[in-house]
Amino acid sequence: MSPIAKRKRTKFSIPSKYLLLLLTFACILLMAVTFFTDYSATPLNKLVGYVIVPFQNGVSRIGAWISVRVDELGELRVVLQENQELKQKVDELTVQNTQLQQDKYELNNLRELYKLDEQYSGYEKVGARIIARDSGNWFHSFIINKGSDDGLAMDMNVIAGGGLVGRIVDIGTNWSKVNAIINDNSNVSGMVLASSDILMVKGSLELMADGVIGFEQLTDSADKVQVGDKVVTSNISDKYLPSILIGYITEINPDSNNITKSGKITPAVDFEHLEEVLVITKTKQQIAD
């Protein structure tokens, strides 16, 4: 048995690009025929109505669509260019705004230092910038960018903001280390301005978590001292010049001996945000001599 192999019928197909060319040629031919003949009088009018007109409408729609897309593309390019220019302008304005804010901040700091300089006009002072500090949330011990070459010396008092910051405890030719009154090892002889009562201000980083430091040894038998009273450095301090504002009493408690009192003081200086300070160029010892 010799089976007869059936051949698969191959489909005849015309590539789409050739088909499009053929249709285009046919339409052009029909348009030429109608142009050179009487369109309304020939049988071709129906053929033209069914073939040429829809084709022309299609071409017209495609041309209109392409024209709209080209216009939109041009507009998009313009918008993208404008958007890029706006982004660049925003970046420039952001930089300018940041610089203006920085200038404003520095100006405010200088104004505060100027007011402080006027407040303690009886003392010669040197301005300095903080360049380093010990770890922690507070400026309890830090380095400034001025030293012995700038006329500074050990135990010179440092002020900022509203009042006393601390004193110089170590020094080099172009730097000085400042120990702040909030430090645990700091003791400052103070005086209640309203009553002239003497007390001892003690630094405490633990208390500074609540924004205060402590005081003790207050003798106030007449109960004149009140919450809110100013505390300044006293005349009997061996390291600090007199009448420099330390802070304000926020709490008063009688001691167990029923003779003295202790409590808390809110410092006049913001020890969380310090950048520039003033150093008084005379020590207590120099003034006493």
C-alpha atoms as a PDB file:
ATOM      1  CA  MET A   1       0.000   0.000   0.000  1.00  0.00           C
ATOM      2  CA  SER A   2       1.491   3.264  -1.072  1.00  0.00           C
ATOM      3  CA  PRO A   3      -0.291   5.957   0.799  1.00  0.00           C
ATOM      4  CA  ILE A   4      -0.668   9.113  -1.000  1.00  0.00           C
ATOM      5  CA  ALA A   5       0.636  11.901   1.142  1.00  0.00           C
ATOM      6  CA  LYS A   6      -1.701  14.768   1.271  1.00  0.00           C
ATOM      7  CA  ARG A   7      -0.052  18.030   0.734  1.00  0.00           C
ATOM      8  CA  LYS A   8      -1.016  20.801   3.048  1.00  0.00           C
ATOM      9  CA  ARG A   9      -2.707  23.612   1.269  1.00  0.00           C
ATOM     10  CA  THR A  10      -0.560  26.656   1.597  1.00  0.00           C
ATOM     11  CA  LYS A  11      -2.392  29.866   2.243  1.00  0.00           C
ATOM     12  CA  PHE A  12      -1.669  32.641  -0.136  1.00  0.00           C
ATOM     13  CA  SER A  13      -0.992  35.875   1.697  1.00  0.00           C
ATOM     14  CA  ILE A  14       0.261  39.286   0.734  1.00  0.00           C
ATOM     15  CA  PRO A  15       2.447  41.191   3.145  1.00  0.00           C
ATOM     16  CA  SER A  16       0.602  44.096   4.687  1.00  0.00           C
ATOM     17  CA  LYS A  17       3.000  46.683   3.297  1.00  0.00           C
ATOM     18  CA  TYR A  18       2.423  45.414  -0.261  1.00  0.00           C
ATOM     19  CA  LEU A  19      -1.298  45.248   0.308  1.00  0.00           C
ATOM     20  CA  LEU A  20      -1.278  48.856   1.419  1.00  0.00           C
ATOM     21  CA  LEU A  21       0.676  49.817  -1.704  1.00  0.00           C
ATOM     22  CA  LEU A  22      -1.795  47.994  -3.923  1.00  0.00           C
ATOM     23  CA  LEU A  23      -4.785  49.657  -2.298  1.00  0.00           C
ATOM     24  CA  THR A  24      -3.122  53.027  -2.545  1.00  0.00           C
ATOM     25  CA  PHE A  25      -2.331  52.473  -6.232  1.00  0.00           C
ATOM     26  CA  ALA A  26      -5.879  51.351  -6.878  1.00  0.00           C
ATOM     27  CA  CYS A  27      -7.305  54.405  -5.191  1.00  0.00           C
ATOM     28  CA  ILE A  28      -4.985  56.698  -7.099  1.00  0.00           C
ATOM     29  CA  LEU A  29      -5.989  54.981 -10.336  1.00  0.00           C
ATOM     30  CA  LEU A  30      -9.667  55.383  -9.547  1.00  0.00           C
ATOM     31  CA  MET A  31      -9.186  59.038  -8.661  1.00  0.00           C
ATOM     32  CA  ALA A  32      -7.352  59.567 -11.959  1.00  0.00           C
ATOM     33  CA  VAL A  33     -10.143  57.891 -13.892  1.00  0.00           C
ATOM     34  CA  THR A  34     -12.793  59.987 -12.210  1.00  0.00           C
ATOM     35  CA  PHE A  35     -10.761  63.096 -12.835  1.00  0.00           C
ATOM     36  CA  PHE A  36     -10.517  62.511 -16.565  1.00  0.00           C
ATOM     37  CA  THR A  37     -14.079  61.292 -16.983  1.00  0.00           C
ATOM     38  CA  ASP A  38     -17.484  62.601 -16.135  1.00  0.00           C
ATOM     39  CA  TYR A  39     -17.822  61.474 -12.542  1.00  0.00           C
ATOM     40  CA  SER A  40     -21.538  61.924 -12.331  1.00  0.00           C
ATOM     41  CA  ALA A  41     -22.224  60.243 -15.643  1.00  0.00           C
ATOM     42  CA  THR A  42     -20.153  57.093 -15.375  1.00  0.00           C
ATOM     43  CA  PRO A  43     -20.840  53.852 -13.537  1.00  0.00           C
ATOM     44  CA  LEU A  44     -17.716  54.496 -11.555  1.00  0.00           C
ATOM     45  CA  ASN A  45     -19.537  56.982  -9.338  1.00  0.00           C
ATOM     46  CA  LYS A  46     -20.857  54.227  -7.099  1.00  0.00           C
ATOM     47  CA  LEU A  47     -17.463  52.556  -6.915  1.00  0.00           C
ATOM     48  CA  VAL A  48     -15.857  55.839  -6.065  1.00  0.00           C
ATOM     49  CA  GLY A  49     -18.485  56.505  -3.420  1.00  0.00           C
ATOM     50  CA  TYR A  50     -17.776  53.146  -1.782  1.00  0.00           C
ATOM     51  CA  VAL A  51     -13.976  53.130  -2.110  1.00  0.00           C
ATOM     52  CA  ILE A  52     -12.444  56.531  -2.710  1.00  0.00           C
ATOM     53  CA  VAL A  53     -14.504  58.640  -0.328  1.00  0.00           C
ATOM     54  CA  PRO A  54     -14.020  56.376   2.717  1.00  0.00           C
ATOM     55  CA  PHE A  55     -10.328  56.087   1.892  1.00  0.00           C
ATOM     56  CA  GLN A  56     -10.012  59.861   1.631  1.00  0.00           C
ATOM     57  CA  ASN A  57     -11.899  60.279   4.893  1.00  0.00           C
ATOM     58  CA  GLY A  58      -9.589  57.777   6.551  1.00  0.00           C
ATOM     59  CA  VAL A  59      -6.501  59.497   5.209  1.00  0.00           C
ATOM     60  CA  SER A  60      -7.900  62.847   6.320  1.00  0.00           C
ATOM     61  CA  ARG A  61      -8.585  61.537   9.834  1.00  0.00           C
ATOM     62  CA  ILE A  62      -5.113  59.988  10.075  1.00  0.00           C
ATOM     63  CA  GLY A  63      -3.549  63.234   8.849  1.00  0.00           C
ATOM     64  CA  ALA A  64      -5.536  65.237  11.380  1.00  0.00           C
ATOM     65  CA  TRP A  65      -4.592  62.810  14.178  1.00  0.00           C
ATOM     66  CA  ILE A  66      -0.911  63.003  13.225  1.00  0.00           C
ATOM     67  CA  SER A  67      -1.099  66.802  13.087  1.00  0.00           C
ATOM     68  CA  VAL A  68      -2.641  66.932  16.581  1.00  0.00           C
ATOM     69  CA  ARG A  69      -0.005  64.535  17.962  1.00  0.00           C
ATOM     70  CA  VAL A  70       2.784  66.623  16.408  1.00  0.00           C
ATOM     71  CA  ASP A  71       1.340  69.778  17.966  1.00  0.00           C
ATOM     72  CA  GLU A  72       1.000  68.041  21.321  1.00  0.00           C
ATOM     73  CA  LEU A  73       4.579  66.774  21.082  1.00  0.00           C
ATOM     74  CA  GLY A  74       5.792  70.293  20.416  1.00  0.00           C
ATOM     75  CA  GLU A  75       3.789  71.629  23.340  1.00  0.00           C
ATOM     76  CA  LEU A  76       5.132  68.828  25.551  1.00  0.00           C
ATOM     77  CA  ARG A  77       8.696  69.759  24.687  1.00  0.00           C
ATOM     78  CA  VAL A  78       7.967  73.371  25.577  1.00  0.00           C
ATOM     79  CA  VAL A  79       6.360  72.321  28.885  1.00  0.00           C
ATOM     80  CA  LEU A  80       9.299  70.046  29.734  1.00  0.00           C
ATOM     81  CA  GLN A  81      11.748  72.861  29.015  1.00  0.00           C
ATOM     82  CA  GLU A  82       9.732  75.284  31.140  1.00  0.00           C
ATOM     83  CA  ASN A  83       9.495  72.673  33.902  1.00  0.00           C
ATOM     84  CA  GLN A  84      13.271  72.206  33.887  1.00  0.00           C
ATOM     85  CA  GLU A  85      13.784  75.961  34.063  1.00  0.00           C
ATOM     86  CA  LEU A  86      11.304  76.206  36.957  1.00  0.00           C
ATOM     87  CA  LYS A  87      13.076  73.405  38.831  1.00  0.00           C
ATOM     88  CA  GLN A  88      16.389  75.199  38.411  1.00  0.00           C
ATOM     89  CA  LYS A  89      14.796  78.429  39.627  1.00  0.00           C
ATOM     90  CA  VAL A  90      13.303  76.653  42.660  1.00  0.00           C
ATOM     91  CA  ASP A  91      16.723  75.189  43.504  1.00  0.00           C
ATOM     92  CA  GLU A  92      18.304  78.633  43.276  1.00  0.00           C
ATOM     93  CA  LEU A  93      15.580  80.187  45.447  1.00  0.00           C
ATOM     94  CA  THR A  94      15.933  77.358  47.994  1.00  0.00           C
ATOM     95  CA  VAL A  95      19.659  78.042  48.308  1.00  0.00           C
ATOM     96  CA  GLN A  96      19.025  81.767  48.623  1.00  0.00           C
ATOM     97  CA  ASN A  97      16.316  81.201  51.248  1.00  0.00           C
ATOM     98  CA  THR A  98      18.605  78.919  53.273  1.00  0.00           C
ATOM     99  CA  GLN A  99      21.353  81.529  53.151  1.00  0.00           C
ATOM    100  CA  LEU A 100      18.940  84.266  54.213  1.00  0.00           C
ATOM    101  CA  GLN A 101      17.740  82.158  57.150  1.00  0.00           C
ATOM    102  CA  GLN A 102      21.340  81.512  58.181  1.00  0.00           C
ATOM    103  CA  ASP A 103      22.167  85.207  57.905  1.00  0.00           C
ATOM    104  CA  LYS A 104      19.072  86.059  59.959  1.00  0.00           C
ATOM    105  CA  TYR A 105      20.036  83.508  62.622  1.00  0.00           C
ATOM    106  CA  GLU A 106      23.587  84.841  62.843  1.00  0.00           C
ATOM    107  CA  LEU A 107      22.284  88.407  62.943  1.00  0.00           C
ATOM    108  CA  ASN A 108      20.001  87.540  65.861  1.00  0.00           C
ATOM    109  CA  ASN A 109      22.935  85.947  67.687  1.00  0.00           C
ATOM    110  CA  LEU A 110      25.034  89.068  67.119  1.00  0.00           C
ATOM    111  CA  ARG A 111      22.191  91.245  68.387  1.00  0.00           C
ATOM    112  CA  GLU A 112      21.960  89.169  71.571  1.00  0.00           C
ATOM    113  CA  LEU A 113      25.708  89.429  72.090  1.00  0.00           C
ATOM    114  CA  TYR A 114      25.531  93.169  71.478  1.00  0.00           C
ATOM    115  CA  LYS A 115      22.770  93.541  74.084  1.00  0.00           C
ATOM    116  CA  LEU A 116      24.810  91.448  76.501  1.00  0.00           C
ATOM    117  CA  ASP A 117      27.860  93.587  75.792  1.00  0.00           C
ATOM    118  CA  GLU A 118      25.812  96.684  76.582  1.00  0.00           C
ATOM    119  CA  GLN A 119      24.422  95.076  79.733  1.00  0.00           C
ATOM    120  CA  TYR A 120      27.917  94.449  81.081  1.00  0.00           C
ATOM    121  CA  SER A 121      29.551  97.491  79.505  1.00  0.00           C
ATOM    122  CA  GLY A 122      31.865  97.928  82.490  1.00  0.00           C
ATOM    123  CA  TYR A 123      33.915  94.903  81.413  1.00  0.00           C
ATOM    124  CA  GLU A 124      36.205  94.513  78.400  1.00  0.00           C
ATOM    125  CA  LYS A 125      35.210  91.470  76.348  1.00  0.00           C
ATOM    126  CA  VAL A 126      36.354  89.295  73.451  1.00  0.00           C
ATOM    127  CA  GLY A 127      33.933  87.422  71.208  1.00  0.00           C
ATOM    128  CA  ALA A 128      34.576  83.733  70.518  1.00  0.00           C
ATOM    129  CA  ARG A 129      32.945  80.842  68.683  1.00  0.00           C
ATOM    130  CA  ILE A 130      32.428  77.361  70.086  1.00  0.00           C
ATOM    131  CA  ILE A 131      34.326  74.825  67.970  1.00  0.00           C
ATOM    132  CA  ALA A 132      33.917  71.632  70.027  1.00  0.00           C
ATOM    133  CA  ARG A 133      32.107  70.284  73.065  1.00  0.00           C
ATOM    134  CA  ASP A 134      31.961  67.220  75.291  1.00  0.00           C
ATOM    135  CA  SER A 135      29.361  64.573  74.538  1.00  0.00           C
ATOM    136  CA  GLY A 136      25.823  65.040  75.773  1.00  0.00           C
ATOM    137  CA  ASN A 137      22.814  67.236  75.149  1.00  0.00           C
ATOM    138  CA  TRP A 138      24.226  70.278  76.939  1.00  0.00           C
ATOM    139  CA  PHE A 139      27.156  72.634  76.501  1.00  0.00           C
ATOM    140  CA  HIS A 140      28.531  71.780  79.934  1.00  0.00           C
ATOM    141  CA  SER A 141      32.167  71.692  78.767  1.00  0.00           C
ATOM    142  CA  PHE A 142      33.360  73.063  75.435  1.00  0.00           C
ATOM    143  CA  ILE A 143      36.222  74.579  73.427  1.00  0.00           C
ATOM    144  CA  ILE A 144      36.266  78.095  71.968  1.00  0.00           C
ATOM    145  CA  ASN A 145      38.457  79.405  69.146  1.00  0.00           C
ATOM    146  CA  LYS A 146      40.317  82.041  71.168  1.00  0.00           C
ATOM    147  CA  GLY A 147      43.296  81.596  73.501  1.00  0.00           C
ATOM    148  CA  SER A 148      46.297  83.271  75.094  1.00  0.00           C
ATOM    149  CA  ASP A 149      47.307  84.918  71.799  1.00  0.00           C
ATOM    150  CA  ASP A 150      43.973  86.766  71.972  1.00  0.00           C
ATOM    151  CA  GLY A 151      44.579  88.004  75.502  1.00  0.00           C
ATOM    152  CA  LEU A 152      42.614  85.285  77.295  1.00  0.00           C
ATOM    153  CA  ALA A 153      43.692  83.627  80.537  1.00  0.00           C
ATOM    154  CA  MET A 154      42.620  81.026  83.088  1.00  0.00           C
ATOM    155  CA  ASP A 155      39.498  81.743  85.173  1.00  0.00           C
ATOM    156  CA  MET A 156      38.189  84.436  82.855  1.00  0.00           C
ATOM    157  CA  ASN A 157      34.397  84.518  82.986  1.00  0.00           C
ATOM    158  CA  VAL A 158      32.341  83.539  79.915  1.00  0.00           C
ATOM    159  CA  ILE A 159      28.879  84.969  79.219  1.00  0.00           C
ATOM    160  CA  ALA A 160      26.244  84.497  76.519  1.00  0.00           C
ATOM    161  CA  GLY A 161      22.518  84.874  75.954  1.00  0.00           C
ATOM    162  CA  GLY A 162      21.110  86.209  79.188  1.00  0.00           C
ATOM    163  CA  GLY A 163      24.037  85.808  81.559  1.00  0.00           C
ATOM    164  CA  LEU A 164      26.768  83.584  83.016  1.00  0.00           C
ATOM    165  CA  VAL A 165      27.994  80.541  81.090  1.00  0.00           C
ATOM    166  CA  GLY A 166      31.096  79.517  83.051  1.00  0.00           C
ATOM    167  CA  ARG A 167      34.842  80.158  83.191  1.00  0.00           C
ATOM    168  CA  ILE A 168      38.032  79.167  81.369  1.00  0.00           C
ATOM    169  CA  VAL A 169      39.660  76.127  82.992  1.00  0.00           C
ATOM    170  CA  ASP A 170      42.304  75.268  80.367  1.00  0.00           C
ATOM    171  CA  ILE A 171      43.959  77.305  77.629  1.00  0.00           C
ATOM    172  CA  GLY A 172      46.242  77.182  74.595  1.00  0.00           C
ATOM    173  CA  THR A 173      47.550  79.794  72.211  1.00  0.00           C
ATOM    174  CA  ASN A 174      44.440  79.712  69.997  1.00  0.00           C
ATOM    175  CA  TRP A 175      41.872  77.812  72.055  1.00  0.00           C
ATOM    176  CA  SER A 176      40.337  77.726  75.516  1.00  0.00           C
ATOM    177  CA  LYS A 177      38.284  75.170  77.414  1.00  0.00           C
ATOM    178  CA  VAL A 178      35.222  76.432  79.276  1.00  0.00           C
ATOM    179  CA  ASN A 179      33.571  74.693  82.217  1.00  0.00           C
ATOM    180  CA  ALA A 180      29.899  75.665  82.407  1.00  0.00           C
ATOM    181  CA  ILE A 181      27.964  76.377  85.599  1.00  0.00           C
ATOM    182  CA  ILE A 182      25.628  73.475  84.841  1.00  0.00           C
ATOM    183  CA  ASN A 183      28.461  70.927  85.061  1.00  0.00           C
ATOM    184  CA  ASP A 184      28.396  68.528  87.992  1.00  0.00           C
ATOM    185  CA  ASN A 185      31.703  69.872  89.342  1.00  0.00           C
ATOM    186  CA  SER A 186      30.617  73.526  89.242  1.00  0.00           C
ATOM    187  CA  ASN A 187      29.946  75.614  92.370  1.00  0.00           C
ATOM    188  CA  VAL A 188      29.176  79.314  92.141  1.00  0.00           C
ATOM    189  CA  SER A 189      28.582  81.688  95.029  1.00  0.00           C
ATOM    190  CA  GLY A 190      25.355  83.506  94.204  1.00  0.00           C
ATOM    191  CA  MET A 191      23.152  86.206  95.639  1.00  0.00           C
ATOM    192  CA  VAL A 192      19.409  86.744  95.486  1.00  0.00           C
ATOM    193  CA  LEU A 193      19.153  90.185  93.940  1.00  0.00           C
ATOM    194  CA  ALA A 194      15.933  91.178  95.718  1.00  0.00           C
ATOM    195  CA  SER A 195      17.118  90.353  99.262  1.00  0.00           C
ATOM    196  CA  SER A 196      20.932  90.168  98.980  1.00  0.00           C
ATOM    197  CA  ASP A 197      20.832  86.712 100.593  1.00  0.00           C
ATOM    198  CA  ILE A 198      23.775  84.469  99.721  1.00  0.00           C
ATOM    199  CA  LEU A 199      23.436  80.930  98.384  1.00  0.00           C
ATOM    200  CA  MET A 200      25.545  78.305  96.615  1.00  0.00           C
ATOM    201  CA  VAL A 201      24.609  77.404  93.039  1.00  0.00           C
ATOM    202  CA  LYS A 202      25.514  73.812  92.177  1.00  0.00           C
ATOM    203  CA  GLY A 203      25.650  72.376  88.691  1.00  0.00           C
ATOM    204  CA  SER A 204      23.746  69.194  87.908  1.00  0.00           C
ATOM    205  CA  LEU A 205      23.440  67.560  84.508  1.00  0.00           C
ATOM    206  CA  GLU A 206      20.761  65.299  85.953  1.00  0.00           C
ATOM    207  CA  LEU A 207      18.625  68.293  86.924  1.00  0.00           C
ATOM    208  CA  MET A 208      19.329  69.911  83.557  1.00  0.00           C
ATOM    209  CA  ALA A 209      17.144  67.208  82.022  1.00  0.00           C
ATOM    210  CA  ASP A 210      14.320  69.353  83.449  1.00  0.00           C
ATOM    211  CA  GLY A 211      16.046  72.612  82.481  1.00  0.00           C
ATOM    212  CA  VAL A 212      17.156  73.566  85.994  1.00  0.00           C
ATOM    213  CA  ILE A 213      20.169  73.452  88.335  1.00  0.00           C
ATOM    214  CA  GLY A 214      20.220  73.383  92.118  1.00  0.00           C
ATOM    215  CA  PHE A 215      21.044  75.786  94.935  1.00  0.00           C
ATOM    216  CA  GLU A 216      21.621  75.270  98.648  1.00  0.00           C
ATOM    217  CA  GLN A 217      22.774  77.026 101.836  1.00  0.00           C
ATOM    218  CA  LEU A 218      20.262  79.850 101.438  1.00  0.00           C
ATOM    219  CA  THR A 219      19.683  81.668 104.736  1.00  0.00           C
ATOM    220  CA  ASP A 220      16.304  83.355 104.468  1.00  0.00           C
ATOM    221  CA  SER A 221      14.929  83.641 107.969  1.00  0.00           C
ATOM    222  CA  ALA A 222      12.617  86.497 106.951  1.00  0.00           C
ATOM    223  CA  ASP A 223      11.145  84.472 104.062  1.00  0.00           C
ATOM    224  CA  LYS A 224      11.810  87.281 101.626  1.00  0.00           C
ATOM    225  CA  VAL A 225      13.056  85.119  98.799  1.00  0.00           C
ATOM    226  CA  GLN A 226      10.329  84.246  96.295  1.00  0.00           C
ATOM    227  CA  VAL A 227       9.972  82.097  93.219  1.00  0.00           C
ATOM    228  CA  GLY A 228      10.987  84.179  90.206  1.00  0.00           C
ATOM    229  CA  ASP A 229      13.686  86.173  92.013  1.00  0.00           C
ATOM    230  CA  LYS A 230      16.905  86.805  90.092  1.00  0.00           C
ATOM    231  CA  VAL A 231      20.127  85.165  91.249  1.00  0.00           C
ATOM    232  CA  VAL A 232      23.442  86.832  90.329  1.00  0.00           C
ATOM    233  CA  THR A 233      27.068  86.121  91.149  1.00  0.00           C
ATOM    234  CA  SER A 234      27.990  87.378  94.602  1.00  0.00           C
ATOM    235  CA  ASN A 235      30.842  89.643  95.726  1.00  0.00           C
ATOM    236  CA  ILE A 236      32.411  86.862  97.775  1.00  0.00           C
ATOM    237  CA  SER A 237      32.957  84.497  94.828  1.00  0.00           C
ATOM    238  CA  ASP A 238      36.660  83.799  94.315  1.00  0.00           C
ATOM    239  CA  LYS A 239      36.357  82.947  90.602  1.00  0.00           C
ATOM    240  CA  TYR A 240      33.408  84.902  89.273  1.00  0.00           C
ATOM    241  CA  LEU A 241      32.935  88.635  88.834  1.00  0.00           C
ATOM    242  CA  PRO A 242      30.009  90.130  90.791  1.00  0.00           C
ATOM    243  CA  SER A 243      26.469  90.865  89.581  1.00  0.00           C
ATOM    244  CA  ILE A 244      26.421  88.575  86.525  1.00  0.00           C
ATOM    245  CA  LEU A 245      22.982  87.018  86.073  1.00  0.00           C
ATOM    246  CA  ILE A 246      22.875  83.276  86.793  1.00  0.00           C
ATOM    247  CA  GLY A 247      19.152  82.593  86.552  1.00  0.00           C
ATOM    248  CA  TYR A 248      15.752  82.652  88.255  1.00  0.00           C
ATOM    249  CA  ILE A 249      14.539  80.757  91.321  1.00  0.00           C
ATOM    250  CA  THR A 250      11.857  78.238  90.364  1.00  0.00           C
ATOM    251  CA  GLU A 251      11.595  76.187  93.578  1.00  0.00           C
ATOM    252  CA  ILE A 252      12.340  76.764  97.294  1.00  0.00           C
ATOM    253  CA  ASN A 253      12.368  74.054  99.943  1.00  0.00           C
ATOM    254  CA  PRO A 254      13.262  74.303 103.673  1.00  0.00           C
ATOM    255  CA  ASP A 255      16.134  72.064 104.771  1.00  0.00           C
ATOM    256  CA  SER A 256      15.790  69.534 107.560  1.00  0.00           C
ATOM    257  CA  ASN A 257      17.786  71.813 109.914  1.00  0.00           C
ATOM    258  CA  ASN A 258      15.057  74.478 109.642  1.00  0.00           C
ATOM    259  CA  ILE A 259      17.805  77.083 109.192  1.00  0.00           C
ATOM    260  CA  THR A 260      18.745  76.993 105.518  1.00  0.00           C
ATOM    261  CA  LYS A 261      16.842  76.416 102.313  1.00  0.00           C
ATOM    262  CA  SER A 262      17.577  74.726  99.020  1.00  0.00           C
ATOM    263  CA  GLY A 263      15.836  74.617  95.692  1.00  0.00           C
ATOM    264  CA  LYS A 264      16.163  74.981  91.936  1.00  0.00           C
ATOM    265  CA  ILE A 265      17.169  77.708  89.502  1.00  0.00           C
ATOM    266  CA  THR A 266      16.369  78.065  85.818  1.00  0.00           C
ATOM    267  CA  PRO A 267      19.582  79.275  84.121  1.00  0.00           C
ATOM    268  CA  ALA A 268      19.420  82.509  82.142  1.00  0.00           C
ATOM    269  CA  VAL A 269      21.489  80.904  79.382  1.00  0.00           C
ATOM    270  CA  ASP A 270      20.150  78.335  76.926  1.00  0.00           C
ATOM    271  CA  PHE A 271      22.788  75.625  77.416  1.00  0.00           C
ATOM    272  CA  GLU A 272      21.283  73.477  74.696  1.00  0.00           C
ATOM    273  CA  HIS A 273      21.916  76.003  71.929  1.00  0.00           C
ATOM    274  CA  LEU A 274      25.213  77.848  72.172  1.00  0.00           C
ATOM    275  CA  GLU A 275      27.386  79.029  69.293  1.00  0.00           C
ATOM    276  CA  GLU A 276      29.036  82.323  70.207  1.00  0.00           C
ATOM    277  CA  VAL A 277      30.112  83.623  73.611  1.00  0.00           C
ATOM    278  CA  LEU A 278      31.774  86.664  75.125  1.00  0.00           C
ATOM    279  CA  VAL A 279      34.833  86.316  77.337  1.00  0.00           C
ATOM    280  CA  ILE A 280      35.414  89.023  79.964  1.00  0.00           C
ATOM    281  CA  THR A 281      39.137  89.786  79.762  1.00  0.00           C
ATOM    282  CA  LYS A 282      39.569  90.534  83.463  1.00  0.00           C
ATOM    283  CA  THR A 283      39.585  87.874  86.178  1.00  0.00           C
ATOM    284  CA  LYS A 284      38.173  88.274  89.650  1.00  0.00           C
ATOM    285  CA  GLN A 285      41.711  88.165  91.032  1.00  0.00           C
ATOM    286  CA  GLN A 286      42.893  90.949  88.723  1.00  0.00           C
ATOM    287  CA  ILE A 287      40.002  93.193  89.740  1.00  0.00           C
ATOM    288  CA  ALA A 288      40.530  92.406  93.425  1.00  0.00           C
ATOM    289  CA  ASP A 289      44.217  93.383  93.145  1.00  0.00           C
END
